[in-house]
Amino acid sequence: MIAGIGLREAASPASILDALARAGGADLRRLAVPAVKARHPAIAALKGLGYAVISVPAEALAPQPTLTDSPHARAAMGTGSVA
């Protein structure tokens, strides 16, 4: 299983791991992130801890249906949600 995550600039490895744990994904070791976030320091740190990170290009995100539709996410990423 792969956890798809979105993150803010202030995200830390601990905050990402906390969010995964709260969502029931504490054991997941594979993460999918928008390509524009793939070089985020928290993502780099998680890679260093052995997490596999899949970078998803914007054109692959845009057509995906989402449970929520954030105007901010739509404007920034072309999709309703990346979390």
PDB file of N, CA and C in Angstrom:
ATOM      1  N   MET A   1       0.834  -1.166   0.000  1.00  0.00           N
ATOM      2  CA  MET A   1       0.000   0.000   0.000  1.00  0.00           C
ATOM      3  C   MET A   1       0.888   1.241   0.000  1.00  0.00           C
ATOM      4  N   ILE A   2       0.401   2.287  -0.612  1.00  0.00           N
ATOM      5  CA  ILE A   2       1.131   3.554  -0.714  1.00  0.00           C
ATOM      6  C   ILE A   2       0.273   4.659  -0.116  1.00  0.00           C
ATOM      7  N   ALA A   3       0.871   5.497   0.701  1.00  0.00           N
ATOM      8  CA  ALA A   3       0.159   6.652   1.263  1.00  0.00           C
ATOM      9  C   ALA A   3       0.421   7.862   0.380  1.00  0.00           C
ATOM     10  N   GLY A   4      -0.629   8.467  -0.133  1.00  0.00           N
ATOM     11  CA  GLY A   4      -0.510   9.713  -0.878  1.00  0.00           C
ATOM     12  C   GLY A   4      -0.599  10.863   0.104  1.00  0.00           C
ATOM     13  N   ILE A   5       0.382  11.729   0.083  1.00  0.00           N
ATOM     14  CA  ILE A   5       0.393  12.833   1.043  1.00  0.00           C
ATOM     15  C   ILE A   5       0.602  14.175   0.363  1.00  0.00           C
ATOM     16  N   GLY A   6       0.011  15.171   0.953  1.00  0.00           N
ATOM     17  CA  GLY A   6       0.273  16.553   0.604  1.00  0.00           C
ATOM     18  C   GLY A   6       0.914  17.174   1.823  1.00  0.00           C
ATOM     19  N   LEU A   7       1.691  18.214   1.633  1.00  0.00           N
ATOM     20  CA  LEU A   7       2.348  18.816   2.783  1.00  0.00           C
ATOM     21  C   LEU A   7       2.597  20.292   2.564  1.00  0.00           C
ATOM     22  N   ARG A   8       2.652  20.992   3.663  1.00  0.00           N
ATOM     23  CA  ARG A   8       2.946  22.421   3.635  1.00  0.00           C
ATOM     24  C   ARG A   8       4.439  22.635   3.783  1.00  0.00           C
ATOM     25  N   GLU A   9       4.879  23.842   3.506  1.00  0.00           N
ATOM     26  CA  GLU A   9       6.299  24.153   3.617  1.00  0.00           C
ATOM     27  C   GLU A   9       6.832  23.916   5.020  1.00  0.00           C
ATOM     28  N   ALA A  10       6.003  24.111   6.037  1.00  0.00           N
ATOM     29  CA  ALA A  10       6.440  23.948   7.424  1.00  0.00           C
ATOM     30  C   ALA A  10       6.444  22.496   7.897  1.00  0.00           C
ATOM     31  N   ALA A  11       6.062  21.565   7.042  1.00  0.00           N
ATOM     32  CA  ALA A  11       5.998  20.156   7.447  1.00  0.00           C
ATOM     33  C   ALA A  11       7.371  19.639   7.853  1.00  0.00           C
ATOM     34  N   SER A  12       7.352  18.755   8.833  1.00  0.00           N
ATOM     35  CA  SER A  12       8.582  18.103   9.288  1.00  0.00           C
ATOM     36  C   SER A  12       8.402  16.597   9.129  1.00  0.00           C
ATOM     37  N   PRO A  13       9.488  15.849   9.166  1.00  0.00           N
ATOM     38  CA  PRO A  13       9.327  14.391   9.113  1.00  0.00           C
ATOM     39  C   PRO A  13       8.405  13.897  10.232  1.00  0.00           C
ATOM     40  N   ALA A  14       8.550  14.458  11.430  1.00  0.00           N
ATOM     41  CA  ALA A  14       7.719  14.039  12.559  1.00  0.00           C
ATOM     42  C   ALA A  14       6.242  14.333  12.306  1.00  0.00           C
ATOM     43  N   SER A  15       5.942  15.483  11.712  1.00  0.00           N
ATOM     44  CA  SER A  15       4.536  15.819  11.465  1.00  0.00           C
ATOM     45  C   SER A  15       3.927  14.902  10.407  1.00  0.00           C
ATOM     46  N   ILE A  16       4.717  14.526   9.423  1.00  0.00           N
ATOM     47  CA  ILE A  16       4.230  13.605   8.398  1.00  0.00           C
ATOM     48  C   ILE A  16       3.993  12.222   9.000  1.00  0.00           C
ATOM     49  N   LEU A  17       4.936  11.751   9.796  1.00  0.00           N
ATOM     50  CA  LEU A  17       4.779  10.439  10.425  1.00  0.00           C
ATOM     51  C   LEU A  17       3.613  10.439  11.399  1.00  0.00           C
ATOM     52  N   ASP A  18       3.392  11.547  12.100  1.00  0.00           N
ATOM     53  CA  ASP A  18       2.259  11.658  13.003  1.00  0.00           C
ATOM     54  C   ASP A  18       0.941  11.580  12.225  1.00  0.00           C
ATOM     55  N   ALA A  19       0.873  12.272  11.106  1.00  0.00           N
ATOM     56  CA  ALA A  19      -0.342  12.233  10.281  1.00  0.00           C
ATOM     57  C   ALA A  19      -0.594  10.819   9.760  1.00  0.00           C
ATOM     58  N   LEU A  20       0.456  10.143   9.335  1.00  0.00           N
ATOM     59  CA  LEU A  20       0.301   8.756   8.871  1.00  0.00           C
ATOM     60  C   LEU A  20      -0.220   7.867   9.996  1.00  0.00           C
ATOM     61  N   ALA A  21       0.346   8.015  11.174  1.00  0.00           N
ATOM     62  CA  ALA A  21      -0.085   7.196  12.315  1.00  0.00           C
ATOM     63  C   ALA A  21      -1.545   7.472  12.659  1.00  0.00           C
ATOM     64  N   ARG A  22      -1.933   8.739  12.663  1.00  0.00           N
ATOM     65  CA  ARG A  22      -3.317   9.096  12.991  1.00  0.00           C
ATOM     66  C   ARG A  22      -4.297   8.548  11.966  1.00  0.00           C
ATOM     67  N   ALA A  23      -3.836   8.372  10.731  1.00  0.00           N
ATOM     68  CA  ALA A  23      -4.693   7.833   9.665  1.00  0.00           C
ATOM     69  C   ALA A  23      -4.632   6.307   9.600  1.00  0.00           C
ATOM     70  N   GLY A  24      -3.889   5.701  10.515  1.00  0.00           N
ATOM     71  CA  GLY A  24      -3.794   4.243  10.532  1.00  0.00           C
ATOM     72  C   GLY A  24      -2.717   3.687   9.629  1.00  0.00           C
ATOM     73  N   GLY A  25      -1.800   4.548   9.182  1.00  0.00           N
ATOM     74  CA  GLY A  25      -0.755   4.118   8.259  1.00  0.00           C
ATOM     75  C   GLY A  25       0.641   4.125   8.844  1.00  0.00           C
ATOM     76  N   ALA A  26       0.759   3.909  10.131  1.00  0.00           N
ATOM     77  CA  ALA A  26       2.069   3.965  10.777  1.00  0.00           C
ATOM     78  C   ALA A  26       3.054   2.960  10.196  1.00  0.00           C
ATOM     79  N   ASP A  27       2.565   1.857   9.658  1.00  0.00           N
ATOM     80  CA  ASP A  27       3.443   0.823   9.110  1.00  0.00           C
ATOM     81  C   ASP A  27       3.795   1.030   7.636  1.00  0.00           C
ATOM     82  N   LEU A  28       3.184   2.019   6.993  1.00  0.00           N
ATOM     83  CA  LEU A  28       3.459   2.245   5.570  1.00  0.00           C
ATOM     84  C   LEU A  28       4.862   2.800   5.381  1.00  0.00           C
ATOM     85  N   ARG A  29       5.544   2.293   4.388  1.00  0.00           N
ATOM     86  CA  ARG A  29       6.911   2.747   4.100  1.00  0.00           C
ATOM     87  C   ARG A  29       7.046   3.294   2.680  1.00  0.00           C
ATOM     88  N   ARG A  30       5.907   3.427   1.978  1.00  0.00           N
ATOM     89  CA  ARG A  30       5.923   3.983   0.621  1.00  0.00           C
ATOM     90  C   ARG A  30       4.979   5.177   0.575  1.00  0.00           C
ATOM     91  N   LEU A  31       5.495   6.289   0.089  1.00  0.00           N
ATOM     92  CA  LEU A  31       4.744   7.536   0.040  1.00  0.00           C
ATOM     93  C   LEU A  31       4.700   8.066  -1.386  1.00  0.00           C
ATOM     94  N   ALA A  32       3.552   8.604  -1.770  1.00  0.00           N
ATOM     95  CA  ALA A  32       3.416   9.297  -3.055  1.00  0.00           C
ATOM     96  C   ALA A  32       3.205  10.767  -2.744  1.00  0.00           C
ATOM     97  N   VAL A  33       3.964  11.620  -3.421  1.00  0.00           N
ATOM     98  CA  VAL A  33       3.869  13.067  -3.208  1.00  0.00           C
ATOM     99  C   VAL A  33       3.803  13.772  -4.551  1.00  0.00           C
ATOM    100  N   PRO A  34       3.171  14.964  -4.604  1.00  0.00           N
ATOM    101  CA  PRO A  34       3.212  15.743  -5.837  1.00  0.00           C
ATOM    102  C   PRO A  34       4.672  16.029  -6.214  1.00  0.00           C
ATOM    103  N   ALA A  35       4.957  15.978  -7.488  1.00  0.00           N
ATOM    104  CA  ALA A  35       6.336  16.176  -7.959  1.00  0.00           C
ATOM    105  C   ALA A  35       6.946  17.470  -7.425  1.00  0.00           C
ATOM    106  N   VAL A  36       6.140  18.516  -7.304  1.00  0.00           N
ATOM    107  CA  VAL A  36       6.680  19.794  -6.814  1.00  0.00           C
ATOM    108  C   VAL A  36       7.103  19.734  -5.346  1.00  0.00           C
ATOM    109  N   LYS A  37       6.694  18.704  -4.622  1.00  0.00           N
ATOM    110  CA  LYS A  37       7.062  18.561  -3.211  1.00  0.00           C
ATOM    111  C   LYS A  37       8.127  17.479  -2.990  1.00  0.00           C
ATOM    112  N   ALA A  38       8.554  16.824  -4.036  1.00  0.00           N
ATOM    113  CA  ALA A  38       9.467  15.689  -3.906  1.00  0.00           C
ATOM    114  C   ALA A  38      10.821  16.073  -3.308  1.00  0.00           C
ATOM    115  N   ARG A  39      11.229  17.335  -3.426  1.00  0.00           N
ATOM    116  CA  ARG A  39      12.520  17.770  -2.881  1.00  0.00           C
ATOM    117  C   ARG A  39      12.392  18.512  -1.558  1.00  0.00           C
ATOM    118  N   HIS A  40      11.208  18.483  -0.994  1.00  0.00           N
ATOM    119  CA  HIS A  40      10.972  19.130   0.306  1.00  0.00           C
ATOM    120  C   HIS A  40      11.912  18.502   1.339  1.00  0.00           C
ATOM    121  N   PRO A  41      12.486  19.295   2.246  1.00  0.00           N
ATOM    122  CA  PRO A  41      13.416  18.746   3.239  1.00  0.00           C
ATOM    123  C   PRO A  41      12.837  17.598   4.079  1.00  0.00           C
ATOM    124  N   ALA A  42      11.558  17.669   4.411  1.00  0.00           N
ATOM    125  CA  ALA A  42      10.953  16.588   5.207  1.00  0.00           C
ATOM    126  C   ALA A  42      10.885  15.292   4.397  1.00  0.00           C
ATOM    127  N   ILE A  43      10.627  15.414   3.115  1.00  0.00           N
ATOM    128  CA  ILE A  43      10.571  14.227   2.246  1.00  0.00           C
ATOM    129  C   ILE A  43      11.973  13.651   2.090  1.00  0.00           C
ATOM    130  N   ALA A  44      12.960  14.518   1.915  1.00  0.00           N
ATOM    131  CA  ALA A  44      14.348  14.055   1.820  1.00  0.00           C
ATOM    132  C   ALA A  44      14.755  13.319   3.100  1.00  0.00           C
ATOM    133  N   ALA A  45      14.330  13.841   4.242  1.00  0.00           N
ATOM    134  CA  ALA A  45      14.655  13.193   5.518  1.00  0.00           C
ATOM    135  C   ALA A  45      14.001  11.818   5.610  1.00  0.00           C
ATOM    136  N   LEU A  46      12.759  11.709   5.156  1.00  0.00           N
ATOM    137  CA  LEU A  46      12.077  10.413   5.184  1.00  0.00           C
ATOM    138  C   LEU A  46      12.745   9.410   4.245  1.00  0.00           C
ATOM    139  N   LYS A  47      13.205   9.893   3.099  1.00  0.00           N
ATOM    140  CA  LYS A  47      13.973   9.012   2.203  1.00  0.00           C
ATOM    141  C   LYS A  47      15.198   8.480   2.932  1.00  0.00           C
ATOM    142  N   GLY A  48      15.860   9.353   3.669  1.00  0.00           N
ATOM    143  CA  GLY A  48      17.045   8.964   4.427  1.00  0.00           C
ATOM    144  C   GLY A  48      16.745   7.938   5.504  1.00  0.00           C
ATOM    145  N   LEU A  49      15.493   7.886   5.935  1.00  0.00           N
ATOM    146  CA  LEU A  49      15.070   6.904   6.934  1.00  0.00           C
ATOM    147  C   LEU A  49      14.577   5.602   6.296  1.00  0.00           C
ATOM    148  N   GLY A  50      14.674   5.527   4.972  1.00  0.00           N
ATOM    149  CA  GLY A  50      14.295   4.297   4.283  1.00  0.00           C
ATOM    150  C   GLY A  50      12.922   4.284   3.652  1.00  0.00           C
ATOM    151  N   TYR A  51      12.210   5.399   3.688  1.00  0.00           N
ATOM    152  CA  TYR A  51      10.905   5.454   3.035  1.00  0.00           C
ATOM    153  C   TYR A  51      11.097   5.567   1.527  1.00  0.00           C
ATOM    154  N   ALA A  52      10.295   4.824   0.783  1.00  0.00           N
ATOM    155  CA  ALA A  52      10.292   4.940  -0.678  1.00  0.00           C
ATOM    156  C   ALA A  52       9.341   6.078  -1.028  1.00  0.00           C
ATOM    157  N   VAL A  53       9.784   6.988  -1.886  1.00  0.00           N
ATOM    158  CA  VAL A  53       8.968   8.133  -2.259  1.00  0.00           C
ATOM    159  C   VAL A  53       8.731   8.112  -3.762  1.00  0.00           C
ATOM    160  N   ILE A  54       7.465   8.166  -4.129  1.00  0.00           N
ATOM    161  CA  ILE A  54       7.060   8.193  -5.531  1.00  0.00           C
ATOM    162  C   ILE A  54       6.617   9.615  -5.840  1.00  0.00           C
ATOM    163  N   SER A  55       7.252  10.206  -6.817  1.00  0.00           N
ATOM    164  CA  SER A  55       6.946  11.569  -7.240  1.00  0.00           C
ATOM    165  C   SER A  55       5.873  11.505  -8.328  1.00  0.00           C
ATOM    166  N   VAL A  56       4.728  12.148  -8.089  1.00  0.00           N
ATOM    167  CA  VAL A  56       3.602  12.089  -9.023  1.00  0.00           C
ATOM    168  C   VAL A  56       3.500  13.415  -9.778  1.00  0.00           C
ATOM    169  N   PRO A  57       3.650  13.367 -11.112  1.00  0.00           N
ATOM    170  CA  PRO A  57       3.585  14.606 -11.896  1.00  0.00           C
ATOM    171  C   PRO A  57       2.181  15.228 -11.873  1.00  0.00           C
ATOM    172  N   ALA A  58       2.123  16.548 -12.019  1.00  0.00           N
ATOM    173  CA  ALA A  58       0.864  17.289 -11.967  1.00  0.00           C
ATOM    174  C   ALA A  58      -0.154  16.755 -12.963  1.00  0.00           C
ATOM    175  N   GLU A  59       0.299  16.377 -14.147  1.00  0.00           N
ATOM    176  CA  GLU A  59      -0.647  15.899 -15.162  1.00  0.00           C
ATOM    177  C   GLU A  59      -1.287  14.567 -14.773  1.00  0.00           C
ATOM    178  N   ALA A  60      -0.661  13.827 -13.880  1.00  0.00           N
ATOM    179  CA  ALA A  60      -1.259  12.585 -13.384  1.00  0.00           C
ATOM    180  C   ALA A  60      -2.224  12.864 -12.229  1.00  0.00           C
ATOM    181  N   LEU A  61      -1.990  13.946 -11.485  1.00  0.00           N
ATOM    182  CA  LEU A  61      -2.869  14.304 -10.375  1.00  0.00           C
ATOM    183  C   LEU A  61      -4.186  14.923 -10.848  1.00  0.00           C
ATOM    184  N   ALA A  62      -4.120  15.766 -11.844  1.00  0.00           N
ATOM    185  CA  ALA A  62      -5.264  16.570 -12.268  1.00  0.00           C
ATOM    186  C   ALA A  62      -6.536  15.773 -12.546  1.00  0.00           C
ATOM    187  N   PRO A  63      -6.487  14.659 -13.264  1.00  0.00           N
ATOM    188  CA  PRO A  63      -7.748  13.974 -13.584  1.00  0.00           C
ATOM    189  C   PRO A  63      -8.302  13.076 -12.473  1.00  0.00           C
ATOM    190  N   GLN A  64      -7.593  12.956 -11.368  1.00  0.00           N
ATOM    191  CA  GLN A  64      -8.022  12.036 -10.313  1.00  0.00           C
ATOM    192  C   GLN A  64      -9.196  12.599  -9.508  1.00  0.00           C
ATOM    193  N   PRO A  65     -10.217  11.776  -9.276  1.00  0.00           N
ATOM    194  CA  PRO A  65     -11.314  12.231  -8.420  1.00  0.00           C
ATOM    195  C   PRO A  65     -10.840  12.322  -6.971  1.00  0.00           C
ATOM    196  N   THR A  66     -11.357  13.276  -6.237  1.00  0.00           N
ATOM    197  CA  THR A  66     -10.981  13.448  -4.827  1.00  0.00           C
ATOM    198  C   THR A  66     -12.234  13.538  -3.960  1.00  0.00           C
ATOM    199  N   LEU A  67     -12.107  13.135  -2.708  1.00  0.00           N
ATOM    200  CA  LEU A  67     -13.235  13.204  -1.782  1.00  0.00           C
ATOM    201  C   LEU A  67     -13.526  14.622  -1.345  1.00  0.00           C
ATOM    202  N   THR A  68     -12.500  15.463  -1.366  1.00  0.00           N
ATOM    203  CA  THR A  68     -12.676  16.870  -1.012  1.00  0.00           C
ATOM    204  C   THR A  68     -12.226  17.719  -2.181  1.00  0.00           C
ATOM    205  N   ASP A  69     -12.655  18.973  -2.204  1.00  0.00           N
ATOM    206  CA  ASP A  69     -12.270  19.865  -3.296  1.00  0.00           C
ATOM    207  C   ASP A  69     -11.898  21.214  -2.719  1.00  0.00           C
ATOM    208  N   SER A  70     -10.609  21.374  -2.464  1.00  0.00           N
ATOM    209  CA  SER A  70     -10.087  22.618  -1.907  1.00  0.00           C
ATOM    210  C   SER A  70      -9.756  23.592  -3.038  1.00  0.00           C
ATOM    211  N   PRO A  71     -10.320  24.809  -3.003  1.00  0.00           N
ATOM    212  CA  PRO A  71      -9.956  25.800  -4.021  1.00  0.00           C
ATOM    213  C   PRO A  71      -8.449  26.071  -4.046  1.00  0.00           C
ATOM    214  N   HIS A  72      -7.818  26.049  -2.873  1.00  0.00           N
ATOM    215  CA  HIS A  72      -6.366  26.285  -2.804  1.00  0.00           C
ATOM    216  C   HIS A  72      -5.608  25.156  -3.510  1.00  0.00           C
ATOM    217  N   ALA A  73      -5.961  23.915  -3.210  1.00  0.00           N
ATOM    218  CA  ALA A  73      -5.293  22.777  -3.856  1.00  0.00           C
ATOM    219  C   ALA A  73      -5.545  22.792  -5.358  1.00  0.00           C
ATOM    220  N   ARG A  74      -6.771  23.113  -5.757  1.00  0.00           N
ATOM    221  CA  ARG A  74      -7.088  23.143  -7.186  1.00  0.00           C
ATOM    222  C   ARG A  74      -6.243  24.192  -7.898  1.00  0.00           C
ATOM    223  N   ALA A  75      -6.104  25.369  -7.287  1.00  0.00           N
ATOM    224  CA  ALA A  75      -5.308  26.437  -7.913  1.00  0.00           C
ATOM    225  C   ALA A  75      -3.821  26.076  -7.946  1.00  0.00           C
ATOM    226  N   ALA A  76      -3.326  25.481  -6.889  1.00  0.00           N
ATOM    227  CA  ALA A  76      -1.897  25.183  -6.800  1.00  0.00           C
ATOM    228  C   ALA A  76      -1.501  23.911  -7.533  1.00  0.00           C
ATOM    229  N   MET A  77      -2.361  22.887  -7.497  1.00  0.00           N
ATOM    230  CA  MET A  77      -1.983  21.574  -8.004  1.00  0.00           C
ATOM    231  C   MET A  77      -2.851  21.068  -9.165  1.00  0.00           C
ATOM    232  N   GLY A  78      -3.940  21.777  -9.454  1.00  0.00           N
ATOM    233  CA  GLY A  78      -4.807  21.342 -10.535  1.00  0.00           C
ATOM    234  C   GLY A  78      -5.729  20.196 -10.158  1.00  0.00           C
ATOM    235  N   THR A  79      -5.851  19.917  -8.878  1.00  0.00           N
ATOM    236  CA  THR A  79      -6.732  18.863  -8.391  1.00  0.00           C
ATOM    237  C   THR A  79      -7.337  19.304  -7.063  1.00  0.00           C
ATOM    238  N   GLY A  80      -8.438  18.670  -6.663  1.00  0.00           N
ATOM    239  CA  GLY A  80      -9.141  19.083  -5.455  1.00  0.00           C
ATOM    240  C   GLY A  80      -8.437  18.791  -4.153  1.00  0.00           C
ATOM    241  N   SER A  81      -7.549  17.806  -4.166  1.00  0.00           N
ATOM    242  CA  SER A  81      -6.835  17.427  -2.943  1.00  0.00           C
ATOM    243  C   SER A  81      -5.637  16.561  -3.302  1.00  0.00           C
ATOM    244  N   VAL A  82      -4.589  16.680  -2.544  1.00  0.00           N
ATOM    245  CA  VAL A  82      -3.433  15.787  -2.733  1.00  0.00           C
ATOM    246  C   VAL A  82      -3.155  14.972  -1.490  1.00  0.00           C
ATOM    247  N   ALA A  83      -3.993  15.095  -0.485  1.00  0.00           N
ATOM    248  CA  ALA A  83      -3.793  14.327   0.748  1.00  0.00           C
ATOM    249  C   ALA A  83      -4.548  13.017   0.697  1.00  0.00           C
TER     250      ALA A  83
END
